Amino acid sequence: MSEHGRTRAHVYVSGHVQGVYYRATTRDTARDRGVDGWVTNLADGRVEAVFEGPRDDVEAMVEWCHEGSPMATVEDVDVTYEEPSGETGFRIER
């Protein structure tokens, strides 16, 4: 975690997570929690996301990824913690 109290989690989510509003729900949940970053679909069927913000809020987003949107079926969540890079806002990458 940085000296400014922020942390960054880089997450890969596998399962039935595309075409089920996973990205939109991730964006909305992150914005509600005040977490910065982005989310995108990968060609291999996974979803990739980066969450930056206060440690507790980032951890809550990582935990949220295990359930995801109501129609998603999450099989695995792989998370790596990194130094924050100054993300601002939360967006869907295409």
Protein backbone atom coordinates (compact mmCIF):
# COMPACT_ATOMS: atom_id res chain seq x y z
CA MET A 1 0.00 0.00 0.00
CA SER A 2 1.27 3.47 -0.80
CA GLU A 3 2.01 6.09 1.81
CA HIS A 4 -1.21 7.87 0.81
CA GLY A 5 -3.39 5.01 2.05
CA ARG A 6 -4.32 3.76 -1.40
CA THR A 7 -3.85 0.30 -2.78
CA ARG A 8 -4.31 -1.26 -6.22
CA ALA A 9 -5.70 -4.69 -7.06
CA HIS A 10 -5.38 -6.17 -10.56
CA VAL A 11 -8.05 -8.83 -10.97
CA TYR A 12 -8.85 -11.52 -13.54
CA VAL A 13 -12.28 -13.14 -13.24
CA SER A 14 -13.13 -16.37 -15.03
CA GLY A 15 -16.40 -18.23 -15.52
CA HIS A 16 -19.58 -17.10 -17.28
CA VAL A 17 -18.77 -13.40 -16.87
CA GLN A 18 -19.27 -11.91 -20.33
CA GLY A 19 -22.67 -10.94 -21.72
CA VAL A 20 -24.18 -10.88 -18.22
CA TYR A 21 -23.66 -7.18 -17.34
CA TYR A 22 -20.56 -8.01 -15.28
CA ARG A 23 -18.63 -4.95 -16.49
CA ALA A 24 -21.52 -2.51 -16.00
CA THR A 25 -22.31 -3.86 -12.55
CA THR A 26 -18.62 -3.72 -11.61
CA ARG A 27 -18.47 -0.09 -12.73
CA ASP A 28 -21.59 0.85 -10.79
CA THR A 29 -20.45 -0.95 -7.63
CA ALA A 30 -16.97 0.59 -7.78
CA ARG A 31 -18.40 4.07 -8.28
CA ASP A 32 -20.78 3.57 -5.34
CA ARG A 33 -17.78 2.64 -3.18
CA GLY A 34 -15.62 5.50 -4.47
CA VAL A 35 -13.09 3.10 -6.02
CA ASP A 36 -11.16 4.17 -9.13
CA GLY A 37 -10.01 1.99 -12.03
CA TRP A 38 -11.39 0.15 -15.03
CA VAL A 39 -12.91 -3.13 -16.23
CA THR A 40 -12.75 -4.86 -19.62
CA ASN A 41 -13.62 -8.12 -21.38
CA LEU A 42 -10.73 -10.29 -22.58
CA ALA A 43 -10.72 -12.36 -25.78
CA ASP A 44 -10.37 -15.58 -23.73
CA GLY A 45 -13.72 -15.02 -21.97
CA ARG A 46 -12.37 -13.58 -18.73
CA VAL A 47 -12.96 -10.12 -17.30
CA GLU A 48 -9.97 -8.02 -16.23
CA ALA A 49 -10.30 -5.17 -13.74
CA VAL A 50 -8.14 -2.75 -11.77
CA PHE A 51 -9.35 -1.25 -8.50
CA GLU A 52 -7.58 1.64 -6.79
CA GLY A 53 -8.57 3.33 -3.58
CA PRO A 54 -8.61 2.89 0.19
CA ARG A 55 -7.59 -0.65 1.15
CA ASP A 56 -10.94 -1.60 2.71
CA ASP A 57 -12.89 -0.44 -0.33
CA VAL A 58 -10.54 -2.19 -2.77
CA GLU A 59 -10.79 -5.40 -0.70
CA ALA A 60 -14.59 -5.11 -0.79
CA MET A 61 -14.46 -4.87 -4.59
CA VAL A 62 -12.19 -7.93 -4.81
CA GLU A 63 -14.66 -9.85 -2.63
CA TRP A 64 -17.55 -8.57 -4.73
CA CYS A 65 -15.88 -10.03 -7.83
CA HIS A 66 -16.46 -13.54 -6.45
CA GLU A 67 -20.22 -13.01 -6.98
CA GLY A 68 -20.39 -10.31 -9.63
CA SER A 69 -23.57 -9.45 -11.47
CA PRO A 70 -26.72 -11.47 -10.71
CA MET A 71 -26.52 -13.46 -13.97
CA ALA A 72 -22.78 -14.22 -13.72
CA THR A 73 -21.29 -17.55 -12.69
CA VAL A 74 -17.82 -16.85 -11.30
CA GLU A 75 -15.41 -19.78 -11.28
CA ASP A 76 -12.18 -18.07 -10.20
CA VAL A 77 -10.80 -14.70 -9.17
CA ASP A 78 -7.04 -14.16 -9.52
CA VAL A 79 -5.79 -11.00 -7.80
CA THR A 80 -2.38 -9.32 -7.71
CA TYR A 81 -1.63 -6.26 -5.60
CA GLU A 82 0.43 -3.48 -7.17
CA GLU A 83 1.53 0.05 -6.44
CA PRO A 84 -1.25 2.57 -7.21
CA SER A 85 -0.78 4.45 -10.48
CA GLY A 86 -3.18 7.33 -9.91
CA GLU A 87 -6.36 6.06 -11.54
CA THR A 88 -9.24 8.53 -11.37
CA GLY A 89 -12.87 7.61 -11.86
CA PHE A 90 -14.06 4.17 -12.91
CA ARG A 91 -14.63 3.25 -16.55
CA ILE A 92 -15.41 0.36 -18.85
CA GLU A 93 -12.56 -0.22 -21.31
CA ARG A 94 -13.50 -1.62 -24.70
